[in-house]
N, C-alpha and C. Protein backbone atom coordinates (compact mmCIF):
# COMPACT_ATOMS: atom_id res chain seq x y z
N MET A 1 -32.95 51.68 -9.41
CA MET A 1 -33.87 50.91 -10.21
C MET A 1 -33.21 49.58 -10.57
N THR A 2 -33.93 48.49 -10.41
CA THR A 2 -33.39 47.18 -10.74
C THR A 2 -34.13 46.60 -11.92
N ASP A 3 -33.42 45.80 -12.66
CA ASP A 3 -34.01 45.12 -13.81
C ASP A 3 -34.14 43.65 -13.44
N GLU A 4 -35.32 43.26 -12.99
CA GLU A 4 -35.53 41.90 -12.50
C GLU A 4 -35.43 40.85 -13.60
N GLY A 5 -35.57 41.24 -14.84
CA GLY A 5 -35.53 40.28 -15.94
C GLY A 5 -34.13 39.93 -16.40
N SER A 6 -33.10 40.52 -15.82
CA SER A 6 -31.75 40.28 -16.32
C SER A 6 -30.90 39.46 -15.36
N ALA A 7 -31.53 38.72 -14.47
CA ALA A 7 -30.77 37.90 -13.54
C ALA A 7 -30.01 36.82 -14.30
N THR A 8 -28.75 36.68 -13.96
CA THR A 8 -27.94 35.64 -14.61
C THR A 8 -27.57 34.59 -13.57
N ALA A 9 -27.46 33.38 -14.04
CA ALA A 9 -27.08 32.29 -13.16
C ALA A 9 -25.62 32.47 -12.75
N GLN A 10 -25.37 32.24 -11.48
CA GLN A 10 -24.01 32.34 -10.98
C GLN A 10 -23.24 31.07 -11.37
N PRO A 11 -21.98 31.23 -11.77
CA PRO A 11 -21.20 30.03 -12.06
C PRO A 11 -21.01 29.23 -10.77
N PRO A 12 -20.86 27.92 -10.89
CA PRO A 12 -20.71 27.11 -9.68
C PRO A 12 -19.43 27.48 -8.93
N VAL A 13 -19.50 27.37 -7.62
CA VAL A 13 -18.33 27.57 -6.78
C VAL A 13 -17.79 26.18 -6.47
N PHE A 14 -16.52 25.98 -6.76
CA PHE A 14 -15.93 24.66 -6.55
C PHE A 14 -15.19 24.62 -5.23
N THR A 15 -15.47 23.58 -4.45
CA THR A 15 -14.75 23.39 -3.19
C THR A 15 -13.39 22.77 -3.43
N ARG A 16 -13.28 21.99 -4.50
CA ARG A 16 -12.00 21.38 -4.90
C ARG A 16 -11.97 21.25 -6.41
N ILE A 17 -10.78 21.39 -6.96
CA ILE A 17 -10.55 21.12 -8.37
C ILE A 17 -9.38 20.15 -8.46
N VAL A 18 -9.56 19.08 -9.20
CA VAL A 18 -8.52 18.06 -9.36
C VAL A 18 -8.20 17.89 -10.83
N LEU A 19 -6.92 17.86 -11.13
CA LEU A 19 -6.42 17.54 -12.46
C LEU A 19 -5.99 16.09 -12.43
N GLY A 20 -6.67 15.23 -13.19
CA GLY A 20 -6.31 13.83 -13.30
C GLY A 20 -5.48 13.61 -14.54
N VAL A 21 -4.41 12.81 -14.42
CA VAL A 21 -3.49 12.62 -15.53
C VAL A 21 -3.20 11.15 -15.74
N ASP A 22 -3.35 10.72 -17.00
CA ASP A 22 -2.98 9.37 -17.44
C ASP A 22 -1.71 9.53 -18.27
N PRO A 23 -0.53 9.25 -17.68
CA PRO A 23 0.73 9.58 -18.36
C PRO A 23 1.08 8.66 -19.52
N GLY A 24 1.76 9.24 -20.48
CA GLY A 24 2.31 8.51 -21.62
C GLY A 24 3.17 9.47 -22.42
N THR A 25 4.15 8.95 -23.13
CA THR A 25 4.99 9.84 -23.93
C THR A 25 4.35 10.15 -25.27
N ALA A 26 3.61 9.23 -25.84
CA ALA A 26 2.92 9.51 -27.10
C ALA A 26 1.64 10.28 -26.85
N ILE A 27 0.86 9.82 -25.87
CA ILE A 27 -0.41 10.47 -25.52
C ILE A 27 -0.54 10.51 -24.00
N THR A 28 -0.69 11.70 -23.47
CA THR A 28 -0.99 11.90 -22.06
C THR A 28 -2.41 12.41 -21.97
N GLY A 29 -3.26 11.66 -21.29
CA GLY A 29 -4.65 12.08 -21.13
C GLY A 29 -4.82 12.89 -19.86
N TYR A 30 -5.74 13.85 -19.90
CA TYR A 30 -6.01 14.64 -18.70
C TYR A 30 -7.50 14.95 -18.57
N GLY A 31 -7.90 15.17 -17.34
CA GLY A 31 -9.26 15.60 -17.05
C GLY A 31 -9.25 16.53 -15.86
N VAL A 32 -9.97 17.62 -15.96
CA VAL A 32 -10.08 18.58 -14.86
C VAL A 32 -11.52 18.51 -14.37
N VAL A 33 -11.68 18.14 -13.10
CA VAL A 33 -13.01 17.97 -12.52
C VAL A 33 -13.11 18.81 -11.25
N GLY A 34 -14.20 19.55 -11.14
CA GLY A 34 -14.46 20.34 -9.96
C GLY A 34 -15.56 19.72 -9.12
N GLU A 35 -15.43 19.85 -7.81
CA GLU A 35 -16.47 19.41 -6.89
C GLU A 35 -17.21 20.65 -6.41
N THR A 36 -18.53 20.64 -6.55
CA THR A 36 -19.34 21.78 -6.14
C THR A 36 -19.68 21.69 -4.65
N GLN A 37 -20.26 22.73 -4.12
CA GLN A 37 -20.61 22.77 -2.70
C GLN A 37 -21.61 21.70 -2.31
N ASP A 38 -22.43 21.25 -3.25
CA ASP A 38 -23.40 20.19 -2.93
C ASP A 38 -22.82 18.79 -3.11
N GLY A 39 -21.52 18.70 -3.42
CA GLY A 39 -20.86 17.40 -3.55
C GLY A 39 -20.92 16.78 -4.93
N SER A 40 -21.54 17.46 -5.88
CA SER A 40 -21.57 16.92 -7.24
C SER A 40 -20.29 17.31 -7.98
N PHE A 41 -20.04 16.61 -9.07
CA PHE A 41 -18.83 16.84 -9.85
C PHE A 41 -19.18 17.44 -11.19
N GLU A 42 -18.29 18.31 -11.68
CA GLU A 42 -18.49 18.94 -12.98
C GLU A 42 -17.19 18.85 -13.78
N LEU A 43 -17.32 18.41 -15.02
CA LEU A 43 -16.17 18.33 -15.91
C LEU A 43 -15.85 19.74 -16.41
N LEU A 44 -14.64 20.19 -16.13
CA LEU A 44 -14.21 21.52 -16.55
C LEU A 44 -13.44 21.46 -17.86
N ALA A 45 -12.69 20.39 -18.06
CA ALA A 45 -11.92 20.22 -19.30
C ALA A 45 -11.38 18.80 -19.36
N CYS A 46 -11.18 18.33 -20.57
CA CYS A 46 -10.46 17.07 -20.74
C CYS A 46 -9.86 17.07 -22.14
N GLY A 47 -8.85 16.26 -22.31
CA GLY A 47 -8.20 16.18 -23.61
C GLY A 47 -6.94 15.36 -23.52
N VAL A 48 -6.12 15.50 -24.53
CA VAL A 48 -4.86 14.77 -24.58
C VAL A 48 -3.74 15.70 -25.01
N ILE A 49 -2.55 15.34 -24.57
CA ILE A 49 -1.32 15.97 -25.03
C ILE A 49 -0.65 14.93 -25.91
N ARG A 50 -0.54 15.24 -27.19
CA ARG A 50 0.08 14.30 -28.13
C ARG A 50 1.48 14.79 -28.49
N THR A 51 2.42 13.87 -28.48
CA THR A 51 3.77 14.20 -28.94
C THR A 51 4.08 13.35 -30.16
N GLN A 52 5.00 13.83 -30.95
CA GLN A 52 5.36 13.15 -32.19
C GLN A 52 6.46 12.11 -31.96
N ALA A 53 6.23 10.91 -32.44
CA ALA A 53 7.17 9.80 -32.23
C ALA A 53 8.54 10.09 -32.84
N HIS A 54 8.59 10.89 -33.90
CA HIS A 54 9.88 11.16 -34.55
C HIS A 54 10.71 12.21 -33.82
N GLU A 55 10.10 12.89 -32.86
CA GLU A 55 10.82 13.90 -32.08
C GLU A 55 11.73 13.23 -31.05
N PRO A 56 12.86 13.85 -30.72
CA PRO A 56 13.70 13.31 -29.64
C PRO A 56 12.94 13.32 -28.31
N MET A 57 13.25 12.37 -27.46
CA MET A 57 12.52 12.21 -26.20
C MET A 57 12.56 13.48 -25.35
N HIS A 58 13.69 14.15 -25.29
CA HIS A 58 13.75 15.34 -24.44
C HIS A 58 12.79 16.43 -24.90
N LEU A 59 12.53 16.51 -26.20
CA LEU A 59 11.58 17.50 -26.71
C LEU A 59 10.13 17.07 -26.44
N ARG A 60 9.90 15.77 -26.47
CA ARG A 60 8.56 15.27 -26.15
C ARG A 60 8.23 15.52 -24.68
N LEU A 61 9.21 15.28 -23.82
CA LEU A 61 9.00 15.52 -22.39
C LEU A 61 8.82 17.00 -22.10
N LYS A 62 9.55 17.84 -22.83
CA LYS A 62 9.39 19.30 -22.69
C LYS A 62 7.97 19.71 -23.04
N GLU A 63 7.42 19.12 -24.11
CA GLU A 63 6.06 19.45 -24.53
C GLU A 63 5.04 19.03 -23.47
N ILE A 64 5.21 17.84 -22.92
CA ILE A 64 4.31 17.37 -21.86
C ILE A 64 4.39 18.31 -20.66
N PHE A 65 5.61 18.65 -20.27
CA PHE A 65 5.82 19.55 -19.13
C PHE A 65 5.16 20.90 -19.37
N GLN A 66 5.39 21.49 -20.53
CA GLN A 66 4.84 22.81 -20.83
C GLN A 66 3.31 22.79 -20.89
N ASP A 67 2.75 21.77 -21.52
CA ASP A 67 1.29 21.69 -21.62
C ASP A 67 0.64 21.46 -20.26
N LEU A 68 1.26 20.61 -19.42
CA LEU A 68 0.72 20.40 -18.07
C LEU A 68 0.84 21.67 -17.24
N THR A 69 1.96 22.37 -17.39
CA THR A 69 2.13 23.64 -16.68
C THR A 69 1.04 24.63 -17.08
N ALA A 70 0.71 24.69 -18.36
CA ALA A 70 -0.35 25.58 -18.84
C ALA A 70 -1.70 25.19 -18.24
N LEU A 71 -1.98 23.89 -18.14
CA LEU A 71 -3.23 23.43 -17.53
C LEU A 71 -3.29 23.81 -16.05
N ILE A 72 -2.18 23.64 -15.37
CA ILE A 72 -2.11 24.01 -13.95
C ILE A 72 -2.36 25.50 -13.78
N ASP A 73 -1.72 26.30 -14.63
CA ASP A 73 -1.90 27.76 -14.57
C ASP A 73 -3.35 28.15 -14.84
N GLU A 74 -3.98 27.49 -15.81
CA GLU A 74 -5.35 27.84 -16.19
C GLU A 74 -6.38 27.45 -15.14
N PHE A 75 -6.27 26.24 -14.61
CA PHE A 75 -7.32 25.71 -13.73
C PHE A 75 -7.00 25.78 -12.24
N GLN A 76 -5.74 26.03 -11.89
CA GLN A 76 -5.34 26.14 -10.48
C GLN A 76 -5.88 24.98 -9.64
N PRO A 77 -5.53 23.74 -10.02
CA PRO A 77 -6.07 22.60 -9.26
C PRO A 77 -5.54 22.57 -7.83
N ASP A 78 -6.36 22.02 -6.95
CA ASP A 78 -5.95 21.84 -5.56
C ASP A 78 -5.00 20.65 -5.42
N GLN A 79 -5.24 19.63 -6.22
CA GLN A 79 -4.38 18.46 -6.27
C GLN A 79 -4.30 17.95 -7.71
N ILE A 80 -3.25 17.17 -7.94
CA ILE A 80 -3.12 16.46 -9.22
C ILE A 80 -3.09 14.98 -8.88
N ALA A 81 -3.95 14.22 -9.53
CA ALA A 81 -4.01 12.77 -9.35
C ALA A 81 -3.42 12.13 -10.60
N VAL A 82 -2.45 11.26 -10.39
CA VAL A 82 -1.72 10.64 -11.50
C VAL A 82 -1.79 9.13 -11.37
N GLU A 83 -1.96 8.47 -12.51
CA GLU A 83 -1.94 7.01 -12.49
C GLU A 83 -0.53 6.54 -12.19
N LYS A 84 -0.43 5.59 -11.25
CA LYS A 84 0.87 5.01 -10.91
C LYS A 84 1.39 4.19 -12.07
N LEU A 85 2.69 4.10 -12.12
CA LEU A 85 3.34 3.32 -13.16
C LEU A 85 2.99 1.85 -12.97
N PHE A 86 2.48 1.26 -14.04
CA PHE A 86 2.08 -0.14 -14.03
C PHE A 86 3.13 -0.93 -14.79
N PHE A 87 3.79 -1.87 -14.13
CA PHE A 87 4.83 -2.65 -14.78
C PHE A 87 4.22 -3.82 -15.52
N GLY A 88 4.31 -3.77 -16.82
CA GLY A 88 3.85 -4.86 -17.65
C GLY A 88 5.05 -5.62 -18.19
N ARG A 89 4.82 -6.30 -19.26
CA ARG A 89 5.90 -7.07 -19.86
C ARG A 89 6.83 -6.21 -20.70
N ASN A 90 6.36 -5.07 -21.16
CA ASN A 90 7.15 -4.23 -22.04
C ASN A 90 7.92 -3.20 -21.21
N VAL A 91 9.20 -3.49 -20.97
CA VAL A 91 10.04 -2.63 -20.15
C VAL A 91 10.25 -1.28 -20.83
N THR A 92 10.39 -1.26 -22.14
CA THR A 92 10.60 -0.01 -22.86
C THR A 92 9.42 0.94 -22.66
N THR A 93 8.21 0.41 -22.75
CA THR A 93 7.02 1.23 -22.52
C THR A 93 7.00 1.74 -21.09
N ALA A 94 7.32 0.90 -20.13
CA ALA A 94 7.32 1.31 -18.72
C ALA A 94 8.32 2.43 -18.49
N ILE A 95 9.48 2.35 -19.12
CA ILE A 95 10.49 3.40 -18.95
C ILE A 95 9.99 4.71 -19.54
N SER A 96 9.41 4.68 -20.73
CA SER A 96 8.94 5.93 -21.34
C SER A 96 7.78 6.53 -20.56
N VAL A 97 6.89 5.69 -20.03
CA VAL A 97 5.80 6.21 -19.19
C VAL A 97 6.39 6.83 -17.92
N GLY A 98 7.42 6.20 -17.37
CA GLY A 98 8.10 6.76 -16.20
C GLY A 98 8.71 8.12 -16.49
N GLN A 99 9.24 8.28 -17.69
CA GLN A 99 9.80 9.58 -18.07
C GLN A 99 8.70 10.63 -18.17
N ALA A 100 7.57 10.27 -18.75
CA ALA A 100 6.44 11.21 -18.83
C ALA A 100 5.96 11.58 -17.43
N ARG A 101 5.90 10.59 -16.55
CA ARG A 101 5.51 10.87 -15.17
C ARG A 101 6.46 11.87 -14.52
N GLY A 102 7.74 11.75 -14.82
CA GLY A 102 8.72 12.69 -14.28
C GLY A 102 8.42 14.12 -14.70
N ALA A 103 8.07 14.31 -15.97
CA ALA A 103 7.72 15.65 -16.46
C ALA A 103 6.46 16.17 -15.76
N ILE A 104 5.50 15.28 -15.54
CA ILE A 104 4.24 15.65 -14.88
C ILE A 104 4.49 16.01 -13.41
N LEU A 105 5.27 15.18 -12.72
CA LEU A 105 5.55 15.44 -11.32
C LEU A 105 6.36 16.71 -11.13
N LEU A 106 7.28 16.99 -12.05
CA LEU A 106 8.06 18.23 -11.98
C LEU A 106 7.15 19.45 -12.17
N ALA A 107 6.24 19.39 -13.14
CA ALA A 107 5.31 20.50 -13.36
C ALA A 107 4.49 20.76 -12.09
N ALA A 108 4.04 19.69 -11.44
CA ALA A 108 3.27 19.84 -10.20
C ALA A 108 4.13 20.43 -9.09
N ALA A 109 5.34 19.92 -8.94
CA ALA A 109 6.22 20.40 -7.87
C ALA A 109 6.55 21.87 -8.04
N LEU A 110 6.85 22.29 -9.26
CA LEU A 110 7.19 23.69 -9.50
C LEU A 110 6.00 24.62 -9.27
N ALA A 111 4.79 24.09 -9.40
CA ALA A 111 3.58 24.88 -9.15
C ALA A 111 3.10 24.73 -7.70
N SER A 112 3.83 23.96 -6.90
CA SER A 112 3.47 23.70 -5.50
C SER A 112 2.09 23.07 -5.36
N VAL A 113 1.78 22.13 -6.25
CA VAL A 113 0.51 21.41 -6.20
C VAL A 113 0.80 19.98 -5.74
N ASP A 114 0.07 19.52 -4.73
CA ASP A 114 0.25 18.16 -4.22
C ASP A 114 -0.16 17.14 -5.27
N VAL A 115 0.57 16.03 -5.29
CA VAL A 115 0.30 14.93 -6.22
C VAL A 115 -0.10 13.70 -5.42
N VAL A 116 -1.15 13.03 -5.87
CA VAL A 116 -1.58 11.76 -5.29
C VAL A 116 -1.60 10.75 -6.42
N GLU A 117 -1.15 9.53 -6.13
CA GLU A 117 -1.05 8.51 -7.17
C GLU A 117 -2.01 7.36 -6.90
N TYR A 118 -2.56 6.82 -7.98
CA TYR A 118 -3.50 5.71 -7.90
C TYR A 118 -3.13 4.65 -8.92
N THR A 119 -3.28 3.39 -8.53
CA THR A 119 -3.08 2.30 -9.47
C THR A 119 -4.31 2.20 -10.37
N PRO A 120 -4.17 1.57 -11.54
CA PRO A 120 -5.35 1.37 -12.38
C PRO A 120 -6.47 0.63 -11.65
N ALA A 121 -6.13 -0.35 -10.82
CA ALA A 121 -7.16 -1.09 -10.08
C ALA A 121 -7.87 -0.20 -9.06
N GLU A 122 -7.15 0.72 -8.42
CA GLU A 122 -7.78 1.64 -7.48
C GLU A 122 -8.77 2.56 -8.19
N VAL A 123 -8.40 3.02 -9.38
CA VAL A 123 -9.29 3.89 -10.16
C VAL A 123 -10.55 3.12 -10.54
N LYS A 124 -10.38 1.91 -11.05
CA LYS A 124 -11.53 1.09 -11.45
C LYS A 124 -12.44 0.80 -10.27
N GLN A 125 -11.84 0.49 -9.12
CA GLN A 125 -12.62 0.20 -7.91
C GLN A 125 -13.44 1.42 -7.50
N ALA A 126 -12.81 2.59 -7.52
CA ALA A 126 -13.50 3.82 -7.09
C ALA A 126 -14.61 4.22 -8.05
N ILE A 127 -14.39 4.02 -9.34
CA ILE A 127 -15.34 4.48 -10.35
C ILE A 127 -16.45 3.45 -10.59
N ALA A 128 -16.06 2.19 -10.79
CA ALA A 128 -17.03 1.16 -11.19
C ALA A 128 -17.38 0.19 -10.07
N GLY A 129 -16.67 0.28 -8.93
CA GLY A 129 -16.95 -0.62 -7.82
C GLY A 129 -16.31 -1.98 -7.96
N TYR A 130 -15.41 -2.13 -8.94
CA TYR A 130 -14.78 -3.42 -9.21
C TYR A 130 -13.40 -3.15 -9.79
N GLY A 131 -12.36 -3.63 -9.12
CA GLY A 131 -10.98 -3.35 -9.52
C GLY A 131 -10.55 -3.93 -10.84
N ASN A 132 -11.32 -4.88 -11.37
CA ASN A 132 -11.01 -5.47 -12.67
C ASN A 132 -12.04 -5.07 -13.73
N ALA A 133 -12.71 -3.96 -13.52
CA ALA A 133 -13.74 -3.51 -14.46
C ALA A 133 -13.14 -3.27 -15.84
N GLU A 134 -13.95 -3.48 -16.85
CA GLU A 134 -13.54 -3.21 -18.23
C GLU A 134 -13.53 -1.70 -18.48
N LYS A 135 -12.73 -1.28 -19.45
CA LYS A 135 -12.61 0.14 -19.79
C LYS A 135 -13.97 0.77 -20.08
N ARG A 136 -14.83 0.08 -20.81
CA ARG A 136 -16.15 0.63 -21.15
C ARG A 136 -17.04 0.80 -19.92
N GLN A 137 -16.91 -0.10 -18.94
CA GLN A 137 -17.68 0.05 -17.70
C GLN A 137 -17.25 1.31 -16.96
N VAL A 138 -15.94 1.54 -16.90
CA VAL A 138 -15.42 2.74 -16.24
C VAL A 138 -15.90 3.98 -16.97
N GLN A 139 -15.81 3.97 -18.29
CA GLN A 139 -16.24 5.14 -19.07
C GLN A 139 -17.72 5.43 -18.88
N GLU A 140 -18.53 4.40 -18.80
CA GLU A 140 -19.96 4.60 -18.61
C GLU A 140 -20.25 5.19 -17.23
N MET A 141 -19.52 4.76 -16.22
CA MET A 141 -19.70 5.32 -14.88
C MET A 141 -19.21 6.77 -14.82
N VAL A 142 -18.15 7.09 -15.55
CA VAL A 142 -17.69 8.48 -15.64
C VAL A 142 -18.79 9.33 -16.27
N ARG A 143 -19.36 8.84 -17.35
CA ARG A 143 -20.44 9.56 -18.04
C ARG A 143 -21.60 9.80 -17.07
N HIS A 144 -22.00 8.75 -16.36
CA HIS A 144 -23.12 8.84 -15.43
C HIS A 144 -22.81 9.80 -14.27
N THR A 145 -21.63 9.68 -13.69
CA THR A 145 -21.24 10.51 -12.55
C THR A 145 -21.26 11.99 -12.90
N LEU A 146 -20.84 12.32 -14.13
CA LEU A 146 -20.77 13.72 -14.55
C LEU A 146 -22.04 14.20 -15.25
N GLY A 147 -22.99 13.29 -15.48
CA GLY A 147 -24.23 13.67 -16.15
C GLY A 147 -24.02 14.06 -17.61
N LEU A 148 -23.11 13.37 -18.27
CA LEU A 148 -22.80 13.66 -19.67
C LEU A 148 -23.65 12.80 -20.60
N ALA A 149 -23.88 13.28 -21.80
CA ALA A 149 -24.62 12.51 -22.80
C ALA A 149 -23.77 11.35 -23.31
N GLU A 150 -22.47 11.55 -23.42
CA GLU A 150 -21.54 10.53 -23.91
C GLU A 150 -20.29 10.56 -23.02
N PRO A 151 -19.58 9.43 -22.93
CA PRO A 151 -18.32 9.45 -22.17
C PRO A 151 -17.31 10.37 -22.84
N PRO A 152 -16.39 10.93 -22.07
CA PRO A 152 -15.34 11.75 -22.68
C PRO A 152 -14.52 10.94 -23.67
N THR A 153 -14.03 11.59 -24.70
CA THR A 153 -13.16 10.96 -25.68
C THR A 153 -11.96 11.85 -25.92
N PRO A 154 -10.86 11.29 -26.40
CA PRO A 154 -10.58 9.87 -26.62
C PRO A 154 -10.38 9.12 -25.30
N ASP A 155 -10.06 7.83 -25.39
CA ASP A 155 -9.93 6.98 -24.21
C ASP A 155 -8.95 7.54 -23.19
N ASP A 156 -7.82 8.09 -23.65
CA ASP A 156 -6.82 8.61 -22.72
C ASP A 156 -7.37 9.79 -21.92
N ALA A 157 -8.18 10.63 -22.55
CA ALA A 157 -8.82 11.74 -21.84
C ALA A 157 -9.82 11.20 -20.83
N ALA A 158 -10.59 10.18 -21.22
CA ALA A 158 -11.55 9.56 -20.30
C ALA A 158 -10.83 8.98 -19.09
N ASP A 159 -9.65 8.40 -19.32
CA ASP A 159 -8.87 7.86 -18.21
C ASP A 159 -8.43 8.97 -17.26
N GLY A 160 -8.00 10.11 -17.81
CA GLY A 160 -7.62 11.24 -16.97
C GLY A 160 -8.79 11.73 -16.13
N VAL A 161 -9.97 11.79 -16.73
CA VAL A 161 -11.18 12.20 -16.00
C VAL A 161 -11.48 11.19 -14.89
N ALA A 162 -11.38 9.90 -15.20
CA ALA A 162 -11.65 8.86 -14.20
C ALA A 162 -10.68 8.97 -13.02
N ILE A 163 -9.43 9.28 -13.29
CA ILE A 163 -8.43 9.43 -12.23
C ILE A 163 -8.79 10.62 -11.33
N ALA A 164 -9.23 11.72 -11.93
CA ALA A 164 -9.65 12.89 -11.14
C ALA A 164 -10.85 12.55 -10.27
N ILE A 165 -11.85 11.88 -10.83
CA ILE A 165 -13.04 11.50 -10.06
C ILE A 165 -12.65 10.54 -8.93
N CYS A 166 -11.78 9.59 -9.24
CA CYS A 166 -11.30 8.65 -8.22
C CYS A 166 -10.75 9.42 -7.02
N HIS A 167 -9.93 10.41 -7.29
CA HIS A 167 -9.36 11.18 -6.18
C HIS A 167 -10.43 11.95 -5.41
N LEU A 168 -11.33 12.58 -6.13
CA LEU A 168 -12.39 13.34 -5.45
C LEU A 168 -13.25 12.43 -4.56
N GLN A 169 -13.48 11.20 -5.01
CA GLN A 169 -14.33 10.28 -4.25
C GLN A 169 -13.59 9.63 -3.09
N THR A 170 -12.30 9.38 -3.24
CA THR A 170 -11.59 8.59 -2.23
C THR A 170 -10.69 9.40 -1.32
N ALA A 171 -10.30 10.61 -1.69
CA ALA A 171 -9.36 11.39 -0.89
C ALA A 171 -9.80 11.58 0.56
N PRO A 172 -11.09 11.84 0.83
CA PRO A 172 -11.47 12.02 2.24
C PRO A 172 -11.25 10.77 3.10
N TYR A 173 -11.15 9.61 2.47
CA TYR A 173 -11.03 8.35 3.21
C TYR A 173 -9.66 7.71 3.07
N ARG A 174 -8.78 8.34 2.32
CA ARG A 174 -7.51 7.73 1.96
C ARG A 174 -6.62 7.42 3.17
N TYR A 175 -6.63 8.25 4.17
CA TYR A 175 -5.70 8.09 5.28
C TYR A 175 -6.38 7.74 6.60
N LEU A 176 -7.58 7.19 6.53
CA LEU A 176 -8.28 6.79 7.76
C LEU A 176 -7.68 5.52 8.34
């Protein structure tokens, strides 16, 4: 005997899951995006890893590493997309971001997950169609692409989501 009234919707099957990461020692943003069989994208999770400025750097990096490892364990991404280090005028900031990237890359390597890197301009180009797009333009396109009522927040989490979407959209064409 079957109960026809109790049919439940099947959860989506993802062909790929990407963890996008916007590195930083104070705030590391992340977004986990899955691609469904019909080619649409679904936001699975996003957020930030915050470390305390008064903590020694090695403890802050440990926290980033442990939290990223937990995300990898939970979502089992096929790839991790990370924003490339952008050299600005502030060398101290660039060094600390580089240290955070090291913790992120180590977490990926230990989990045997491939890492792909994108510059901020590549992410903007893939998401908004313009490499010099403003942050709000990118966030609005992320919102639209994922069918969300509002863009992800905070900004660092939205950046992580944008990096994941960038990879999902461009990976098939990256090495042509």
